[in-house]
Amino acid sequence: MADLGQTEIAAAEPPAPAPRARPVRNPILDGAITPTLLRLATPNIIAMGAGISVLIAETTYIGILGIAPLAAIALMFPLIILMMTMSGGAMGGGVASAIARALGAGDTLRASTLALHALAIGLAVGATFSIALLNFGEQLLTWMGGRGAVLAEALAFAQIYFSGVVLIWLMNTLVAILRGTGNMILPSAIVFSSAVCQIVFGGVLSLGLFGVPQLGIRGIAVGQLSGVAVGVLVMGWFILSGRSRITLRVPHFRFHREMFTDILKVGALACFYPVQSVLTAGMLASMLAQYGPEVLAAYGIGARLEFFLTSIAFSCGVASVPMVGMAVGAGQIARARRVAWTGAVISALGVGALVAPLAIFPDLWTGWFTDDPFVRKATGEYLLIAGPMFSLLGVGVSLYFSSQGAAKVLGSVLAQTVRLSVVIFGGFWLLSVGAEYIWFFVLAGAAMAAFGLFTAVAVHATSWGTELRATR
């Protein structure tokens, strides 16, 4: 009887609950912030280094071709940078943000569908720019100051380059798709490989090496587009092969206005950022040109260092996009903000550590570009005055990308407007009072500081959503 009673009691007890499956860990969403951010940023720094190598190599090739091609590529440079930054940093940020937020919310199907919408945007916008630039490129280059042999060389380059703008938009869209999933290694490897192709193909074709017909400046354009085409093929294959976290094979796919809006509310607005950045540099250069070619050259050397050093902030910022986006998608707003401010601090410290010795010993930098004593002196003055503000510029750049991840980019775009306004109004006032050129270096530094501080205030004041911590 005792055994029977024990059996009845045991039977009455509820069955033991089945063990719960452990949730899949997302290292971008769950990992320690600083190590994860540095791990994601490192491949981007390497890729940026490759891009800088391309600029140096192509400048060397074109310098061999003569003064007119060298001036022609300088004329084209703002348009080249504009296409790269609009497709990569601006619209690309909108793509990566939307995909990261979808993955953070655990919606892989939405992320895959967003990728197809992103490719449609890249194709449409790239084709539009190609058609517009091919039809109005000559008028634009003439308005920018192209004349005679310089204009002819610029058009020779532009006819090929403008034809392939759609490839540039496609490549940077694919890069953004992969970065949105948290994959920084493959896009950076592709950018690095593309840079190698550009250096090799551009050198061989432009100079006519190894018996290849010499194409001159056209060879540089062919080399650039060849490297981009290789990148498009490899990344397209990778995503289609199923090796990525998302797929382009979406069943019953159709376009949705809401998904276009999700990308464009960040990407389209962010496109005003690089436009204003190019205008800021152009306005400063135009004003300083009135003080002679030596002062303009000094600013150009200093601005080139600014571009090189802020690549650190760019790399941290790009790495923060998927981290912030996934955290926002998962409702972890506090983590998203910690990611943003961590990236800003790393950018400020990294840029500051590199610019400090060059501000104190400017010949370490200027010696690579000129032996002219006055140019070296003026460049040293620029680095000493504006150099300390590079750190605040890095803060602004990093937070700009973080705000893309949160889909709250308006404040960062307005910060660039503030920087441009400081240069325009301050510059015209300095010209009106006949100020010495050194005050324009002060103005450049003040504009950087205004940009960085305004961006920080805007990010701090802007709501990124309601904290809804995921149960993990």
Protein backbone atom coordinates (compact mmCIF):
# COMPACT_ATOMS: atom_id res chain seq x y z
CA MET A 1 0.00 0.00 0.00
CA ALA A 2 2.84 2.32 0.82
CA ASP A 3 4.33 1.72 -2.58
CA LEU A 4 0.97 2.40 -4.22
CA GLY A 5 0.55 5.68 -2.30
CA GLN A 6 4.00 6.82 -3.32
CA THR A 7 3.16 5.98 -6.91
CA GLU A 8 -0.05 8.03 -6.75
CA ILE A 9 1.79 11.02 -5.26
CA ALA A 10 4.48 10.82 -7.92
CA ALA A 11 1.85 10.63 -10.62
CA ALA A 12 0.14 13.72 -9.25
CA GLU A 13 3.29 15.80 -9.42
CA PRO A 14 3.60 17.96 -12.56
CA PRO A 15 6.22 16.87 -15.07
CA ALA A 16 9.58 18.64 -14.90
CA PRO A 17 9.76 21.53 -17.39
CA ALA A 18 11.76 20.89 -20.54
CA PRO A 19 15.09 22.72 -20.57
CA ARG A 20 14.86 26.09 -22.38
CA ALA A 21 16.96 26.51 -25.45
CA ARG A 22 19.73 29.00 -24.85
CA PRO A 23 19.24 32.14 -26.94
CA VAL A 24 21.67 32.64 -29.78
CA ARG A 25 24.28 35.15 -28.67
CA ASN A 26 24.84 38.17 -30.87
CA PRO A 27 28.34 39.46 -30.10
CA ILE A 28 27.59 42.86 -31.63
CA LEU A 29 24.55 43.27 -29.41
CA ASP A 30 25.82 41.46 -26.30
CA GLY A 31 29.61 41.88 -26.32
CA ALA A 32 31.65 44.38 -24.31
CA ILE A 33 31.42 47.72 -26.10
CA THR A 34 35.04 48.90 -26.38
CA PRO A 35 36.62 45.59 -27.54
CA THR A 36 33.76 45.01 -30.00
CA LEU A 37 34.02 48.52 -31.40
CA LEU A 38 37.79 48.25 -31.83
CA ARG A 39 37.44 44.81 -33.45
CA LEU A 40 34.95 46.17 -35.98
CA ALA A 41 36.91 49.38 -36.60
CA THR A 42 40.31 47.78 -37.29
CA PRO A 43 39.47 46.33 -40.74
CA ASN A 44 38.03 49.71 -41.75
CA ILE A 45 41.26 51.49 -40.78
CA ILE A 46 43.22 49.07 -42.97
CA ALA A 47 40.80 49.66 -45.86
CA MET A 48 41.11 53.43 -45.44
CA GLY A 49 44.90 53.05 -45.55
CA ALA A 50 44.53 51.26 -48.87
CA GLY A 51 42.41 54.11 -50.19
CA ILE A 52 45.07 56.62 -49.18
CA SER A 53 47.67 54.49 -50.98
CA VAL A 54 45.57 54.74 -54.15
CA LEU A 55 45.55 58.54 -53.91
CA ILE A 56 49.32 58.65 -53.52
CA ALA A 57 49.95 56.15 -56.34
CA GLU A 58 47.58 57.84 -58.78
CA THR A 59 49.05 61.25 -58.02
CA THR A 60 52.49 59.81 -58.83
CA TYR A 61 51.29 58.34 -62.15
CA ILE A 62 49.51 61.50 -63.19
CA GLY A 63 52.49 63.64 -62.21
CA ILE A 64 54.57 61.64 -64.71
CA LEU A 65 51.99 62.40 -67.42
CA GLY A 66 52.39 66.15 -67.01
CA ILE A 67 51.00 69.32 -65.45
CA ALA A 68 47.70 69.38 -67.39
CA PRO A 69 46.63 65.86 -66.29
CA LEU A 70 47.67 66.69 -62.72
CA ALA A 71 45.53 69.83 -62.74
CA ALA A 72 42.70 67.89 -64.42
CA ILE A 73 42.54 65.24 -61.69
CA ALA A 74 42.58 68.02 -59.07
CA LEU A 75 39.57 69.49 -60.90
CA MET A 76 37.80 66.11 -60.82
CA PHE A 77 38.74 65.29 -57.22
CA PRO A 78 35.75 67.01 -55.51
CA LEU A 79 33.33 65.13 -57.80
CA ILE A 80 35.10 61.80 -57.17
CA ILE A 81 35.02 62.35 -53.39
CA LEU A 82 31.39 63.47 -53.56
CA MET A 83 30.28 60.28 -55.34
CA MET A 84 32.22 58.09 -52.91
CA THR A 85 31.00 59.84 -49.76
CA MET A 86 27.39 60.15 -50.89
CA SER A 87 27.12 56.50 -51.91
CA GLY A 88 29.25 55.11 -49.06
CA GLY A 89 29.13 57.33 -45.99
CA ALA A 90 25.70 58.94 -46.50
CA MET A 91 23.29 56.64 -48.34
CA GLY A 92 25.41 53.67 -47.27
CA GLY A 93 24.90 54.71 -43.67
CA GLY A 94 21.13 54.71 -44.22
CA VAL A 95 21.30 51.20 -45.67
CA ALA A 96 23.50 49.81 -42.87
CA SER A 97 21.33 51.47 -40.22
CA ALA A 98 18.05 50.05 -41.53
CA ILE A 99 19.46 46.52 -41.85
CA ALA A 100 21.12 46.64 -38.41
CA ARG A 101 17.92 47.82 -36.74
CA ALA A 102 15.97 45.00 -38.39
CA LEU A 103 18.51 42.40 -37.26
CA GLY A 104 18.54 43.88 -33.75
CA ALA A 105 14.79 43.30 -33.62
CA GLY A 106 15.36 39.70 -34.77
CA ASP A 107 13.67 40.21 -38.16
CA THR A 108 16.02 38.60 -40.70
CA LEU A 109 13.36 38.58 -43.45
CA ARG A 110 12.93 42.33 -43.16
CA ALA A 111 16.70 42.83 -43.25
CA SER A 112 16.94 40.77 -46.48
CA THR A 113 14.05 42.66 -48.04
CA LEU A 114 15.66 45.97 -47.08
CA ALA A 115 18.85 44.85 -48.86
CA LEU A 116 16.93 44.44 -52.13
CA HIS A 117 15.37 47.88 -51.69
CA ALA A 118 18.84 49.29 -51.05
CA LEU A 119 20.18 47.81 -54.29
CA ALA A 120 17.25 49.32 -56.19
CA ILE A 121 18.07 52.74 -54.71
CA GLY A 122 21.76 52.33 -55.57
CA LEU A 123 20.97 51.40 -59.17
CA ALA A 124 18.48 54.22 -59.63
CA VAL A 125 20.54 56.99 -58.02
CA GLY A 126 23.79 55.81 -59.63
CA ALA A 127 22.20 55.70 -63.09
CA THR A 128 20.70 59.15 -62.55
CA PHE A 129 24.07 60.63 -61.64
CA SER A 130 25.71 58.88 -64.62
CA ILE A 131 23.19 60.32 -67.07
CA ALA A 132 23.28 63.81 -65.54
CA LEU A 133 27.08 64.00 -65.35
CA LEU A 134 27.57 62.66 -68.86
CA ASN A 135 25.18 65.28 -70.23
CA PHE A 136 26.24 68.26 -68.13
CA GLY A 137 29.76 67.31 -67.03
CA GLU A 138 31.52 69.66 -69.44
CA GLN A 139 29.48 72.67 -68.27
CA LEU A 140 30.12 71.71 -64.64
CA LEU A 141 33.87 71.33 -65.11
CA THR A 142 34.03 74.63 -67.01
CA TRP A 143 32.16 76.36 -64.17
CA MET A 144 34.68 74.84 -61.73
CA GLY A 145 37.50 76.56 -63.63
CA GLY A 146 38.52 74.04 -66.32
CA ARG A 147 40.08 75.62 -69.40
CA GLY A 148 42.09 74.53 -72.44
CA ALA A 149 44.30 71.46 -72.04
CA VAL A 150 43.22 70.99 -68.41
CA LEU A 151 39.55 70.83 -69.40
CA ALA A 152 40.34 68.43 -72.25
CA GLU A 153 42.18 66.06 -69.91
CA ALA A 154 39.42 66.31 -67.30
CA LEU A 155 36.80 65.42 -69.91
CA ALA A 156 38.87 62.46 -71.10
CA PHE A 157 38.81 61.13 -67.55
CA ALA A 158 35.19 62.11 -66.91
CA GLN A 159 33.74 60.36 -69.97
CA ILE A 160 34.90 57.01 -68.59
CA TYR A 161 34.45 57.71 -64.89
CA PHE A 162 30.93 59.17 -65.20
CA SER A 163 29.87 56.14 -67.25
CA GLY A 164 30.74 53.90 -64.31
CA VAL A 165 29.23 55.93 -61.46
CA VAL A 166 26.45 53.36 -61.19
CA LEU A 167 29.10 50.71 -60.38
CA ILE A 168 30.42 52.90 -57.56
CA TRP A 169 26.94 53.21 -56.07
CA LEU A 170 26.38 49.46 -56.38
CA MET A 171 29.69 48.61 -54.70
CA ASN A 172 29.15 50.97 -51.78
CA THR A 173 25.57 49.72 -51.37
CA LEU A 174 26.84 46.13 -51.11
CA VAL A 175 29.52 47.27 -48.64
CA ALA A 176 26.80 48.95 -46.55
CA ILE A 177 24.59 45.84 -46.64
CA LEU A 178 27.40 43.69 -45.27
CA ARG A 179 28.42 46.29 -42.68
CA GLY A 180 24.81 46.44 -41.52
CA THR A 181 25.03 42.74 -40.64
CA GLY A 182 28.18 43.41 -38.61
CA ASN A 183 30.53 41.95 -41.23
CA MET A 184 33.42 44.43 -41.44
CA ILE A 185 36.13 42.03 -42.57
CA LEU A 186 34.84 41.12 -46.06
CA PRO A 187 33.91 44.69 -47.14
CA SER A 188 37.28 45.95 -45.91
CA ALA A 189 39.09 43.11 -47.70
CA ILE A 190 37.18 43.94 -50.89
CA VAL A 191 37.99 47.65 -50.57
CA PHE A 192 41.65 46.72 -50.01
CA SER A 193 41.68 44.38 -53.04
CA SER A 194 39.90 46.99 -55.14
CA ALA A 195 42.61 49.49 -54.18
CA VAL A 196 45.33 47.06 -55.30
CA CYS A 197 43.54 46.60 -58.64
CA GLN A 198 43.28 50.36 -59.07
CA ILE A 199 46.98 50.86 -58.38
CA VAL A 200 48.07 48.07 -60.75
CA PHE A 201 45.59 48.66 -63.58
CA GLY A 202 45.85 52.44 -63.32
CA GLY A 203 49.65 52.40 -63.49
CA VAL A 204 49.85 49.90 -66.36
CA LEU A 205 47.15 51.53 -68.49
CA SER A 206 48.02 55.18 -67.87
CA LEU A 207 51.77 54.79 -68.42
CA GLY A 208 51.60 52.03 -71.04
CA LEU A 209 53.74 49.52 -69.11
CA PHE A 210 54.58 45.98 -70.29
CA GLY A 211 53.70 46.76 -73.90
CA VAL A 212 50.14 47.85 -73.13
CA PRO A 213 48.94 50.88 -75.16
CA GLN A 214 49.33 54.07 -73.14
CA LEU A 215 45.90 55.52 -72.32
CA GLY A 216 47.09 58.48 -70.26
CA ILE A 217 44.56 59.86 -67.80
CA ARG A 218 41.90 57.57 -69.27
CA GLY A 219 43.88 54.64 -67.89
CA ILE A 220 43.43 55.97 -64.35
CA ALA A 221 39.65 56.04 -64.85
CA VAL A 222 39.63 52.51 -66.28
CA GLY A 223 41.78 51.32 -63.37
CA GLN A 224 39.40 52.82 -60.81
CA LEU A 225 36.30 51.27 -62.37
CA SER A 226 38.02 47.89 -62.84
CA GLY A 227 38.72 47.66 -59.13
CA VAL A 228 35.13 48.65 -58.33
CA ALA A 229 33.71 46.06 -60.76
CA VAL A 230 35.73 43.29 -59.08
CA GLY A 231 34.33 44.37 -55.71
CA VAL A 232 30.74 44.29 -56.99
CA LEU A 233 31.16 40.76 -58.39
CA VAL A 234 32.76 39.30 -55.25
CA MET A 235 30.33 40.84 -52.75
CA GLY A 236 27.32 40.03 -54.92
CA TRP A 237 28.45 36.40 -55.12
CA PHE A 238 29.04 36.25 -51.36
CA ILE A 239 25.54 37.42 -50.48
CA LEU A 240 23.82 35.32 -53.16
CA SER A 241 25.74 32.21 -52.05
CA GLY A 242 24.02 32.26 -48.65
CA ARG A 243 27.19 32.96 -46.65
CA SER A 244 25.87 36.23 -45.26
CA ARG A 245 23.42 36.70 -42.36
CA ILE A 246 20.89 37.87 -44.94
CA THR A 247 19.96 36.69 -48.43
CA LEU A 248 18.87 38.32 -51.66
CA ARG A 249 16.60 35.36 -52.43
CA VAL A 250 13.43 36.65 -50.75
CA PRO A 251 10.29 34.58 -51.51
CA HIS A 252 7.32 36.51 -52.96
CA PHE A 253 9.37 39.70 -52.95
CA ARG A 254 7.72 43.01 -53.73
CA PHE A 255 8.67 46.61 -53.11
CA HIS A 256 7.28 48.45 -50.08
CA ARG A 257 7.17 52.23 -49.75
CA GLU A 258 7.76 51.92 -46.00
CA MET A 259 11.09 50.16 -46.57
CA PHE A 260 12.28 52.78 -49.04
CA THR A 261 11.33 55.38 -46.42
CA ASP A 262 13.24 53.51 -43.70
CA ILE A 263 16.45 53.77 -45.76
CA LEU A 264 15.93 57.21 -47.26
CA LYS A 265 14.94 58.96 -44.02
CA VAL A 266 18.59 58.51 -43.02
CA GLY A 267 20.43 58.16 -46.34
CA ALA A 268 18.81 60.99 -48.30
CA LEU A 269 19.16 63.46 -45.45
CA ALA A 270 22.75 62.34 -44.77
CA CYS A 271 23.68 63.15 -48.39
CA PHE A 272 23.64 66.84 -47.44
CA TYR A 273 26.54 66.14 -45.08
CA PRO A 274 29.25 65.40 -47.70
CA VAL A 275 27.93 68.13 -49.99
CA GLN A 276 28.43 70.71 -47.23
CA SER A 277 31.81 69.21 -46.32
CA VAL A 278 33.07 69.64 -49.89
CA LEU A 279 31.66 73.18 -50.01
CA THR A 280 33.45 74.05 -46.75
CA ALA A 281 36.82 72.93 -48.09
CA GLY A 282 36.15 74.67 -51.41
CA MET A 283 35.23 77.97 -49.74
CA LEU A 284 38.35 77.96 -47.56
CA ALA A 285 40.56 77.15 -50.55
CA SER A 286 38.94 79.88 -52.64
CA MET A 287 39.49 82.50 -49.93
CA LEU A 288 43.07 81.47 -49.19
CA ALA A 289 43.91 81.50 -52.90
CA GLN A 290 43.82 85.29 -52.69
CA TYR A 291 46.96 85.18 -50.50
CA GLY A 292 49.02 83.39 -53.15
CA PRO A 293 49.79 79.85 -54.24
CA GLU A 294 52.16 79.21 -51.31
CA VAL A 295 49.42 79.82 -48.71
CA LEU A 296 46.94 77.76 -50.72
CA ALA A 297 49.48 74.94 -50.97
CA ALA A 298 50.03 75.10 -47.21
CA TYR A 299 46.31 74.77 -46.56
CA GLY A 300 46.11 71.90 -49.04
CA ILE A 301 48.89 70.01 -47.24
CA GLY A 302 47.22 70.61 -43.88
CA ALA A 303 43.79 69.63 -45.19
CA ARG A 304 45.25 66.41 -46.57
CA LEU A 305 46.49 65.53 -43.09
CA GLU A 306 43.00 66.34 -41.77
CA PHE A 307 41.57 63.83 -44.27
CA PHE A 308 44.10 61.15 -43.31
CA LEU A 309 43.61 61.54 -39.57
CA THR A 310 39.83 61.73 -39.60
CA SER A 311 39.86 58.33 -41.33
CA ILE A 312 40.30 57.00 -37.77
CA ALA A 313 37.07 58.69 -36.74
CA PHE A 314 35.44 57.47 -39.95
CA SER A 315 36.46 53.89 -39.16
CA CYS A 316 35.13 54.08 -35.58
CA GLY A 317 31.96 55.71 -36.83
CA VAL A 318 31.29 53.09 -39.50
CA ALA A 319 31.86 50.38 -36.88
CA SER A 320 29.35 52.05 -34.56
CA VAL A 321 26.52 51.97 -37.15
CA PRO A 322 25.62 48.26 -36.77
CA MET A 323 26.29 48.34 -33.01
CA VAL A 324 23.99 51.34 -32.47
CA GLY A 325 21.43 50.11 -35.02
CA MET A 326 21.11 46.63 -33.50
CA ALA A 327 20.88 48.08 -29.99
CA VAL A 328 18.14 50.51 -31.05
CA GLY A 329 16.31 47.70 -32.88
CA ALA A 330 16.45 45.59 -29.70
CA GLY A 331 15.25 48.49 -27.55
CA GLN A 332 18.60 48.80 -25.75
CA ILE A 333 18.82 52.58 -26.06
CA ALA A 334 21.25 53.03 -23.15
CA ARG A 335 23.70 50.64 -24.81
CA ALA A 336 23.32 52.45 -28.14
CA ARG A 337 24.28 55.73 -26.50
CA ARG A 338 27.26 54.16 -24.72
CA VAL A 339 28.47 52.85 -28.09
CA ALA A 340 28.18 56.33 -29.63
CA TRP A 341 30.09 58.11 -26.86
CA THR A 342 32.73 55.36 -26.67
CA GLY A 343 33.37 55.73 -30.41
CA ALA A 344 33.60 59.51 -30.01
CA VAL A 345 36.18 59.24 -27.20
CA ILE A 346 38.27 56.70 -29.12
CA SER A 347 38.20 58.95 -32.20
CA ALA A 348 39.23 62.04 -30.23
CA LEU A 349 42.08 60.25 -28.48
CA GLY A 350 43.31 58.52 -31.65
CA VAL A 351 43.26 61.65 -33.79
CA GLY A 352 44.73 63.79 -31.01
CA ALA A 353 47.60 61.38 -30.34
CA LEU A 354 48.61 61.45 -33.99
CA VAL A 355 48.22 65.16 -34.67
CA ALA A 356 50.04 66.37 -31.54
CA PRO A 357 53.61 65.47 -32.63
CA LEU A 358 52.94 66.79 -36.14
CA ALA A 359 51.69 70.10 -34.75
CA ILE A 360 54.90 70.42 -32.72
CA PHE A 361 57.23 69.10 -35.46
CA PRO A 362 55.35 69.92 -38.73
CA ASP A 363 58.34 69.10 -40.95
CA LEU A 364 57.64 65.42 -40.26
CA TRP A 365 54.57 65.90 -42.47
CA THR A 366 55.38 68.81 -44.77
CA GLY A 367 58.73 67.29 -45.75
CA TRP A 368 56.86 64.69 -47.82
CA PHE A 369 55.34 67.35 -50.06
CA THR A 370 57.54 70.42 -50.41
CA ASP A 371 60.95 71.96 -49.84
CA ASP A 372 59.67 75.53 -50.11
CA PRO A 373 60.51 77.27 -46.78
CA PHE A 374 57.47 79.58 -46.82
CA VAL A 375 55.04 76.72 -47.58
CA ARG A 376 56.59 74.71 -44.74
CA LYS A 377 56.29 77.69 -42.39
CA ALA A 378 52.64 78.34 -43.30
CA THR A 379 51.74 74.65 -43.02
CA GLY A 380 53.35 74.53 -39.60
CA GLU A 381 51.22 77.50 -38.55
CA TYR A 382 48.09 75.77 -39.81
CA LEU A 383 48.87 72.56 -37.91
CA LEU A 384 49.74 74.45 -34.72
CA ILE A 385 46.54 76.53 -34.82
CA ALA A 386 43.95 74.19 -36.37
CA GLY A 387 45.58 70.87 -35.44
CA PRO A 388 44.23 70.75 -31.85
CA MET A 389 40.71 71.03 -33.28
CA PHE A 390 41.14 67.87 -35.35
CA SER A 391 40.09 65.89 -32.26
CA LEU A 392 36.77 67.73 -32.05
CA LEU A 393 36.30 67.17 -35.77
CA GLY A 394 36.86 63.45 -35.11
CA VAL A 395 34.19 63.54 -32.39
CA GLY A 396 31.72 65.03 -34.84
CA VAL A 397 32.52 62.52 -37.60
CA SER A 398 32.16 59.54 -35.26
CA LEU A 399 28.87 60.77 -33.77
CA TYR A 400 27.54 61.48 -37.28
CA PHE A 401 27.78 57.78 -38.09
CA SER A 402 26.39 56.74 -34.70
CA SER A 403 23.38 58.98 -35.30
CA GLN A 404 22.88 57.19 -38.62
CA GLY A 405 22.66 53.90 -36.73
CA ALA A 406 19.93 55.39 -34.54
CA ALA A 407 18.14 56.86 -37.61
CA LYS A 408 18.45 60.34 -36.03
CA VAL A 409 20.87 62.09 -38.37
CA LEU A 410 19.35 65.59 -38.64
CA GLY A 411 21.43 67.09 -35.83
CA SER A 412 24.71 65.93 -37.40
CA VAL A 413 23.74 67.31 -40.80
CA LEU A 414 22.85 70.65 -39.21
CA ALA A 415 26.23 70.60 -37.44
CA GLN A 416 27.90 70.50 -40.84
CA THR A 417 25.70 73.45 -41.82
CA VAL A 418 27.03 75.31 -38.78
CA ARG A 419 30.61 74.56 -39.85
CA LEU A 420 29.95 75.81 -43.39
CA SER A 421 28.23 78.95 -42.05
CA VAL A 422 31.17 79.75 -39.77
CA VAL A 423 33.54 79.52 -42.74
CA ILE A 424 31.34 81.59 -45.07
CA PHE A 425 30.42 84.44 -42.72
CA GLY A 426 33.72 84.45 -40.85
CA GLY A 427 35.70 84.26 -44.07
CA PHE A 428 33.92 87.15 -45.77
CA TRP A 429 34.35 89.27 -42.65
CA LEU A 430 38.09 88.49 -42.54
CA LEU A 431 38.41 89.44 -46.21
CA SER A 432 36.51 92.67 -45.64
CA VAL A 433 38.88 93.79 -42.88
CA GLY A 434 42.00 92.70 -44.78
CA ALA A 435 43.04 90.12 -42.19
CA GLU A 436 46.26 88.18 -42.57
CA TYR A 437 46.09 84.61 -43.87
CA ILE A 438 46.85 83.17 -40.43
CA TRP A 439 43.39 84.22 -39.22
CA PHE A 440 41.85 81.89 -41.79
CA PHE A 441 43.68 79.05 -40.07
CA VAL A 442 42.04 80.18 -36.83
CA LEU A 443 38.73 80.23 -38.68
CA ALA A 444 39.26 76.69 -39.98
CA GLY A 445 39.94 75.43 -36.45
CA ALA A 446 36.95 77.32 -35.03
CA ALA A 447 34.68 75.77 -37.69
CA MET A 448 35.90 72.27 -36.78
CA ALA A 449 35.29 72.94 -33.09
CA ALA A 450 31.80 74.30 -33.80
CA PHE A 451 30.98 71.19 -35.83
CA GLY A 452 32.19 68.75 -33.19
CA LEU A 453 30.54 70.53 -30.26
CA PHE A 454 27.23 71.09 -32.07
CA THR A 455 27.11 67.43 -33.06
CA ALA A 456 27.75 66.33 -29.47
CA VAL A 457 25.02 68.62 -28.14
CA ALA A 458 22.58 67.45 -30.84
CA VAL A 459 23.22 63.77 -30.11
CA HIS A 460 22.85 64.36 -26.37
CA ALA A 461 19.57 66.26 -26.82
CA THR A 462 17.96 63.95 -29.40
CA SER A 463 15.79 61.07 -28.22
CA TRP A 464 16.79 57.71 -29.72
CA GLY A 465 13.69 55.88 -28.47
CA THR A 466 12.36 54.18 -25.37
CA GLU A 467 14.49 51.76 -23.38
CA LEU A 468 13.03 48.25 -23.74
CA ARG A 469 15.70 45.86 -22.55
CA ALA A 470 15.57 42.51 -24.29
CA THR A 471 15.41 39.45 -22.03
CA ARG A 472 18.43 37.36 -22.81
